[in-house]
PDB file of N, CA and C in Angstrom:
ATOM      1  N   MET A   1     -36.899   3.915  36.714  1.00  0.00           N
ATOM      2  CA  MET A   1     -36.877   4.673  37.950  1.00  0.00           C
ATOM      3  C   MET A   1     -36.087   3.896  38.995  1.00  0.00           C
ATOM      4  N   LYS A   2     -35.113   4.541  39.579  1.00  0.00           N
ATOM      5  CA  LYS A   2     -34.292   3.892  40.591  1.00  0.00           C
ATOM      6  C   LYS A   2     -35.021   3.852  41.924  1.00  0.00           C
ATOM      7  N   LYS A   3     -34.868   2.717  42.613  1.00  0.00           N
ATOM      8  CA  LYS A   3     -35.426   2.606  43.950  1.00  0.00           C
ATOM      9  C   LYS A   3     -34.459   3.248  44.934  1.00  0.00           C
ATOM     10  N   ILE A   4     -35.003   3.949  45.912  1.00  0.00           N
ATOM     11  CA  ILE A   4     -34.201   4.636  46.918  1.00  0.00           C
ATOM     12  C   ILE A   4     -34.639   4.147  48.302  1.00  0.00           C
ATOM     13  N   PHE A   5     -33.652   3.810  49.150  1.00  0.00           N
ATOM     14  CA  PHE A   5     -33.976   3.471  50.535  1.00  0.00           C
ATOM     15  C   PHE A   5     -34.478   4.717  51.248  1.00  0.00           C
ATOM     16  N   LYS A   6     -35.560   4.577  51.980  1.00  0.00           N
ATOM     17  CA  LYS A   6     -36.163   5.736  52.645  1.00  0.00           C
ATOM     18  C   LYS A   6     -35.269   6.315  53.730  1.00  0.00           C
ATOM     19  N   LYS A   7     -34.658   5.455  54.548  1.00  0.00           N
ATOM     20  CA  LYS A   7     -33.876   5.957  55.676  1.00  0.00           C
ATOM     21  C   LYS A   7     -32.540   6.567  55.263  1.00  0.00           C
ATOM     22  N   THR A   8     -31.854   5.943  54.335  1.00  0.00           N
ATOM     23  CA  THR A   8     -30.511   6.407  53.977  1.00  0.00           C
ATOM     24  C   THR A   8     -30.488   7.292  52.738  1.00  0.00           C
ATOM     25  N   LYS A   9     -31.573   7.292  51.965  1.00  0.00           N
ATOM     26  CA  LYS A   9     -31.672   8.057  50.719  1.00  0.00           C
ATOM     27  C   LYS A   9     -30.647   7.599  49.681  1.00  0.00           C
ATOM     28  N   LYS A  10     -30.134   6.358  49.830  1.00  0.00           N
ATOM     29  CA  LYS A  10     -29.185   5.803  48.879  1.00  0.00           C
ATOM     30  C   LYS A  10     -29.924   4.894  47.906  1.00  0.00           C
ATOM     31  N   PRO A  11     -29.396   4.755  46.684  1.00  0.00           N
ATOM     32  CA  PRO A  11     -30.048   3.874  45.707  1.00  0.00           C
ATOM     33  C   PRO A  11     -30.038   2.426  46.181  1.00  0.00           C
ATOM     34  N   ALA A  12     -31.132   1.730  45.963  1.00  0.00           N
ATOM     35  CA  ALA A  12     -31.233   0.317  46.307  1.00  0.00           C
ATOM     36  C   ALA A  12     -30.593  -0.501  45.193  1.00  0.00           C
ATOM     37  N   PHE A  13     -29.834  -1.500  45.571  1.00  0.00           N
ATOM     38  CA  PHE A  13     -29.224  -2.398  44.599  1.00  0.00           C
ATOM     39  C   PHE A  13     -30.294  -3.360  44.087  1.00  0.00           C
ATOM     40  N   SER A  14     -30.402  -3.480  42.807  1.00  0.00           N
ATOM     41  CA  SER A  14     -31.399  -4.371  42.222  1.00  0.00           C
ATOM     42  C   SER A  14     -30.717  -5.643  41.749  1.00  0.00           C
ATOM     43  N   HIS A  15     -30.938  -6.746  42.472  1.00  0.00           N
ATOM     44  CA  HIS A  15     -30.345  -8.006  42.048  1.00  0.00           C
ATOM     45  C   HIS A  15     -30.924  -8.454  40.709  1.00  0.00           C
ATOM     46  N   ASP A  16     -32.171  -8.079  40.422  1.00  0.00           N
ATOM     47  CA  ASP A  16     -32.763  -8.433  39.133  1.00  0.00           C
ATOM     48  C   ASP A  16     -31.973  -7.811  37.980  1.00  0.00           C
ATOM     49  N   ARG A  17     -31.642  -6.540  38.117  1.00  0.00           N
ATOM     50  CA  ARG A  17     -30.869  -5.871  37.062  1.00  0.00           C
ATOM     51  C   ARG A  17     -29.498  -6.512  36.897  1.00  0.00           C
ATOM     52  N   PHE A  18     -28.875  -6.862  38.028  1.00  0.00           N
ATOM     53  CA  PHE A  18     -27.552  -7.484  37.994  1.00  0.00           C
ATOM     54  C   PHE A  18     -27.597  -8.806  37.235  1.00  0.00           C
ATOM     55  N   PHE A  19     -28.524  -9.698  37.611  1.00  0.00           N
ATOM     56  CA  PHE A  19     -28.598 -11.008  36.973  1.00  0.00           C
ATOM     57  C   PHE A  19     -29.008 -10.905  35.510  1.00  0.00           C
ATOM     58  N   LYS A  20     -29.917 -10.006  35.199  1.00  0.00           N
ATOM     59  CA  LYS A  20     -30.325  -9.845  33.799  1.00  0.00           C
ATOM     60  C   LYS A  20     -29.161  -9.326  32.963  1.00  0.00           C
ATOM     61  N   ALA A  21     -28.435  -8.369  33.476  1.00  0.00           N
ATOM     62  CA  ALA A  21     -27.283  -7.840  32.746  1.00  0.00           C
ATOM     63  C   ALA A  21     -26.209  -8.920  32.577  1.00  0.00           C
ATOM     64  N   PHE A  22     -25.981  -9.690  33.619  1.00  0.00           N
ATOM     65  CA  PHE A  22     -24.959 -10.740  33.575  1.00  0.00           C
ATOM     66  C   PHE A  22     -25.336 -11.817  32.570  1.00  0.00           C
ATOM     67  N   PHE A  23     -26.533 -12.359  32.690  1.00  0.00           N
ATOM     68  CA  PHE A  23     -26.940 -13.465  31.836  1.00  0.00           C
ATOM     69  C   PHE A  23     -27.329 -13.032  30.427  1.00  0.00           C
ATOM     70  N   SER A  24     -27.503 -11.744  30.178  1.00  0.00           N
ATOM     71  CA  SER A  24     -27.792 -11.269  28.826  1.00  0.00           C
ATOM     72  C   SER A  24     -26.581 -11.410  27.918  1.00  0.00           C
ATOM     73  N   ASP A  25     -25.421 -11.528  28.499  1.00  0.00           N
ATOM     74  CA  ASP A  25     -24.199 -11.738  27.729  1.00  0.00           C
ATOM     75  C   ASP A  25     -23.924 -13.242  27.682  1.00  0.00           C
ATOM     76  N   PRO A  26     -24.120 -13.891  26.537  1.00  0.00           N
ATOM     77  CA  PRO A  26     -23.917 -15.343  26.457  1.00  0.00           C
ATOM     78  C   PRO A  26     -22.526 -15.802  26.899  1.00  0.00           C
ATOM     79  N   LYS A  27     -21.506 -14.982  26.675  1.00  0.00           N
ATOM     80  CA  LYS A  27     -20.152 -15.362  27.097  1.00  0.00           C
ATOM     81  C   LYS A  27     -20.065 -15.463  28.617  1.00  0.00           C
ATOM     82  N   LEU A  28     -20.660 -14.508  29.323  1.00  0.00           N
ATOM     83  CA  LEU A  28     -20.634 -14.547  30.782  1.00  0.00           C
ATOM     84  C   LEU A  28     -21.501 -15.678  31.331  1.00  0.00           C
ATOM     85  N   ALA A  29     -22.641 -15.912  30.712  1.00  0.00           N
ATOM     86  CA  ALA A  29     -23.507 -17.016  31.122  1.00  0.00           C
ATOM     87  C   ALA A  29     -22.778 -18.342  30.946  1.00  0.00           C
ATOM     88  N   LYS A  30     -22.059 -18.480  29.840  1.00  0.00           N
ATOM     89  CA  LYS A  30     -21.288 -19.704  29.583  1.00  0.00           C
ATOM     90  C   LYS A  30     -20.235 -19.909  30.669  1.00  0.00           C
ATOM     91  N   GLU A  31     -19.540 -18.845  31.043  1.00  0.00           N
ATOM     92  CA  GLU A  31     -18.514 -18.950  32.082  1.00  0.00           C
ATOM     93  C   GLU A  31     -19.104 -19.416  33.413  1.00  0.00           C
ATOM     94  N   LEU A  32     -20.270 -18.907  33.754  1.00  0.00           N
ATOM     95  CA  LEU A  32     -20.915 -19.326  34.997  1.00  0.00           C
ATOM     96  C   LEU A  32     -21.318 -20.797  34.930  1.00  0.00           C
ATOM     97  N   LEU A  33     -21.853 -21.225  33.795  1.00  0.00           N
ATOM     98  CA  LEU A  33     -22.226 -22.632  33.638  1.00  0.00           C
ATOM     99  C   LEU A  33     -21.003 -23.544  33.716  1.00  0.00           C
ATOM    100  N   LEU A  34     -19.887 -23.086  33.187  1.00  0.00           N
ATOM    101  CA  LEU A  34     -18.649 -23.865  33.271  1.00  0.00           C
ATOM    102  C   LEU A  34     -18.208 -24.048  34.721  1.00  0.00           C
ATOM    103  N   LEU A  35     -18.466 -23.062  35.537  1.00  0.00           N
ATOM    104  CA  LEU A  35     -18.121 -23.155  36.964  1.00  0.00           C
ATOM    105  C   LEU A  35     -19.122 -24.002  37.750  1.00  0.00           C
ATOM    106  N   ALA A  36     -20.391 -23.979  37.333  1.00  0.00           N
ATOM    107  CA  ALA A  36     -21.452 -24.614  38.109  1.00  0.00           C
ATOM    108  C   ALA A  36     -21.582 -26.117  37.857  1.00  0.00           C
ATOM    109  N   PHE A  37     -21.225 -26.577  36.659  1.00  0.00           N
ATOM    110  CA  PHE A  37     -21.430 -27.976  36.305  1.00  0.00           C
ATOM    111  C   PHE A  37     -20.108 -28.722  36.202  1.00  0.00           C
ATOM    112  N   SER A  38     -20.157 -30.034  36.427  1.00  0.00           N
ATOM    113  CA  SER A  38     -18.957 -30.867  36.273  1.00  0.00           C
ATOM    114  C   SER A  38     -18.681 -31.089  34.788  1.00  0.00           C
ATOM    115  N   LYS A  39     -17.489 -31.582  34.478  1.00  0.00           N
ATOM    116  CA  LYS A  39     -17.142 -31.855  33.082  1.00  0.00           C
ATOM    117  C   LYS A  39     -18.079 -32.894  32.469  1.00  0.00           C
ATOM    118  N   ALA A  40     -18.460 -33.891  33.258  1.00  0.00           N
ATOM    119  CA  ALA A  40     -19.374 -34.922  32.757  1.00  0.00           C
ATOM    120  C   ALA A  40     -20.739 -34.327  32.424  1.00  0.00           C
ATOM    121  N   GLU A  41     -21.234 -33.434  33.277  1.00  0.00           N
ATOM    122  CA  GLU A  41     -22.528 -32.793  33.032  1.00  0.00           C
ATOM    123  C   GLU A  41     -22.467 -31.867  31.819  1.00  0.00           C
ATOM    124  N   LEU A  42     -21.354 -31.185  31.640  1.00  0.00           N
ATOM    125  CA  LEU A  42     -21.213 -30.240  30.533  1.00  0.00           C
ATOM    126  C   LEU A  42     -21.165 -30.929  29.177  1.00  0.00           C
ATOM    127  N   LYS A  43     -20.827 -32.227  29.151  1.00  0.00           N
ATOM    128  CA  LYS A  43     -20.793 -32.960  27.876  1.00  0.00           C
ATOM    129  C   LYS A  43     -22.172 -33.031  27.231  1.00  0.00           C
ATOM    130  N   VAL A  44     -23.228 -32.859  28.034  1.00  0.00           N
ATOM    131  CA  VAL A  44     -24.601 -32.922  27.530  1.00  0.00           C
ATOM    132  C   VAL A  44     -24.953 -31.672  26.730  1.00  0.00           C
ATOM    133  N   PHE A  45     -24.346 -30.541  27.070  1.00  0.00           N
ATOM    134  CA  PHE A  45     -24.698 -29.260  26.473  1.00  0.00           C
ATOM    135  C   PHE A  45     -23.737 -28.861  25.364  1.00  0.00           C
ATOM    136  N   ASN A  46     -24.235 -28.105  24.402  1.00  0.00           N
ATOM    137  CA  ASN A  46     -23.415 -27.488  23.363  1.00  0.00           C
ATOM    138  C   ASN A  46     -23.355 -25.994  23.678  1.00  0.00           C
ATOM    139  N   LEU A  47     -22.404 -25.616  24.505  1.00  0.00           N
ATOM    140  CA  LEU A  47     -22.338 -24.229  24.969  1.00  0.00           C
ATOM    141  C   LEU A  47     -21.876 -23.249  23.891  1.00  0.00           C
ATOM    142  N   SER A  48     -21.429 -23.744  22.757  1.00  0.00           N
ATOM    143  CA  SER A  48     -21.057 -22.829  21.672  1.00  0.00           C
ATOM    144  C   SER A  48     -22.299 -22.240  21.004  1.00  0.00           C
ATOM    145  N   LYS A  49     -23.457 -22.815  21.262  1.00  0.00           N
ATOM    146  CA  LYS A  49     -24.711 -22.356  20.658  1.00  0.00           C
ATOM    147  C   LYS A  49     -25.620 -21.628  21.649  1.00  0.00           C
ATOM    148  N   ILE A  50     -25.098 -21.185  22.786  1.00  0.00           N
ATOM    149  CA  ILE A  50     -25.911 -20.489  23.787  1.00  0.00           C
ATOM    150  C   ILE A  50     -26.331 -19.124  23.237  1.00  0.00           C
ATOM    151  N   LYS A  51     -27.609 -18.779  23.420  1.00  0.00           N
ATOM    152  CA  LYS A  51     -28.087 -17.479  22.930  1.00  0.00           C
ATOM    153  C   LYS A  51     -29.266 -16.997  23.768  1.00  0.00           C
ATOM    154  N   THR A  52     -29.488 -15.702  23.732  1.00  0.00           N
ATOM    155  CA  THR A  52     -30.642 -15.129  24.431  1.00  0.00           C
ATOM    156  C   THR A  52     -31.848 -15.171  23.506  1.00  0.00           C
ATOM    157  N   GLU A  53     -33.021 -15.305  24.091  1.00  0.00           N
ATOM    158  CA  GLU A  53     -34.265 -15.377  23.341  1.00  0.00           C
ATOM    159  C   GLU A  53     -35.132 -14.173  23.684  1.00  0.00           C
ATOM    160  N   LYS A  54     -36.254 -14.031  22.971  1.00  0.00           N
ATOM    161  CA  LYS A  54     -37.169 -12.941  23.299  1.00  0.00           C
ATOM    162  C   LYS A  54     -37.682 -13.128  24.732  1.00  0.00           C
ATOM    163  N   ASP A  55     -38.188 -12.071  25.332  1.00  0.00           N
ATOM    164  CA  ASP A  55     -38.495 -12.089  26.774  1.00  0.00           C
ATOM    165  C   ASP A  55     -39.910 -12.552  27.108  1.00  0.00           C
ATOM    166  N   THR A  56     -40.452 -13.478  26.319  1.00  0.00           N
ATOM    167  CA  THR A  56     -41.725 -14.107  26.675  1.00  0.00           C
ATOM    168  C   THR A  56     -41.558 -15.614  26.605  1.00  0.00           C
ATOM    169  N   PHE A  57     -42.305 -16.306  27.411  1.00  0.00           N
ATOM    170  CA  PHE A  57     -42.239 -17.762  27.460  1.00  0.00           C
ATOM    171  C   PHE A  57     -43.645 -18.295  27.658  1.00  0.00           C
ATOM    172  N   GLU A  58     -44.137 -19.043  26.694  1.00  0.00           N
ATOM    173  CA  GLU A  58     -45.483 -19.622  26.747  1.00  0.00           C
ATOM    174  C   GLU A  58     -46.531 -18.571  27.097  1.00  0.00           C
ATOM    175  N   GLY A  59     -46.418 -17.394  26.470  1.00  0.00           N
ATOM    176  CA  GLY A  59     -47.409 -16.341  26.673  1.00  0.00           C
ATOM    177  C   GLY A  59     -47.230 -15.531  27.941  1.00  0.00           C
ATOM    178  N   ARG A  60     -46.266 -15.887  28.776  1.00  0.00           N
ATOM    179  CA  ARG A  60     -46.019 -15.139  30.018  1.00  0.00           C
ATOM    180  C   ARG A  60     -44.743 -14.330  29.853  1.00  0.00           C
ATOM    181  N   GLY A  61     -44.712 -13.189  30.500  1.00  0.00           N
ATOM    182  CA  GLY A  61     -43.511 -12.369  30.465  1.00  0.00           C
ATOM    183  C   GLY A  61     -42.407 -13.028  31.269  1.00  0.00           C
ATOM    184  N   ALA A  62     -41.182 -12.850  30.833  1.00  0.00           N
ATOM    185  CA  ALA A  62     -40.029 -13.391  31.538  1.00  0.00           C
ATOM    186  C   ALA A  62     -38.936 -12.337  31.541  1.00  0.00           C
ATOM    187  N   ASP A  63     -38.090 -12.366  32.555  1.00  0.00           N
ATOM    188  CA  ASP A  63     -36.982 -11.430  32.611  1.00  0.00           C
ATOM    189  C   ASP A  63     -35.947 -11.728  31.529  1.00  0.00           C
ATOM    190  N   LEU A  64     -35.615 -13.009  31.387  1.00  0.00           N
ATOM    191  CA  LEU A  64     -34.578 -13.391  30.434  1.00  0.00           C
ATOM    192  C   LEU A  64     -34.688 -14.879  30.157  1.00  0.00           C
ATOM    193  N   ILE A  65     -34.505 -15.257  28.916  1.00  0.00           N
ATOM    194  CA  ILE A  65     -34.516 -16.665  28.543  1.00  0.00           C
ATOM    195  C   ILE A  65     -33.257 -16.945  27.741  1.00  0.00           C
ATOM    196  N   LEU A  66     -32.515 -17.970  28.151  1.00  0.00           N
ATOM    197  CA  LEU A  66     -31.356 -18.442  27.420  1.00  0.00           C
ATOM    198  C   LEU A  66     -31.684 -19.790  26.813  1.00  0.00           C
ATOM    199  N   SER A  67     -31.222 -20.036  25.612  1.00  0.00           N
ATOM    200  CA  SER A  67     -31.389 -21.370  25.027  1.00  0.00           C
ATOM    201  C   SER A  67     -30.002 -21.982  24.820  1.00  0.00           C
ATOM    202  N   ILE A  68     -29.927 -23.281  25.144  1.00  0.00           N
ATOM    203  CA  ILE A  68     -28.679 -24.035  25.027  1.00  0.00           C
ATOM    204  C   ILE A  68     -29.026 -25.353  24.357  1.00  0.00           C
ATOM    205  N   SER A  69     -28.299 -25.696  23.314  1.00  0.00           N
ATOM    206  CA  SER A  69     -28.518 -26.959  22.609  1.00  0.00           C
ATOM    207  C   SER A  69     -27.985 -28.122  23.442  1.00  0.00           C
ATOM    208  N   PHE A  70     -28.645 -29.271  23.276  1.00  0.00           N
ATOM    209  CA  PHE A  70     -28.178 -30.500  23.922  1.00  0.00           C
ATOM    210  C   PHE A  70     -27.346 -31.290  22.949  1.00  0.00           C
TER     211      PHE A  70
END
């Protein structure tokens, strides 16, 4: 169900949907990590193995979980 602003009757932008859609694609998540971290920091991660996981974490619901090998 889409959220609608009461005064303008326009659909509300959901940042949650945006981030979940963006990070659900491992290629896009990798690109963001490449921009966010320095080359020295990126040496710690194996970004070729980035993948999405099921949407629960330690018995709690989660929007999205990515796993990255060290």
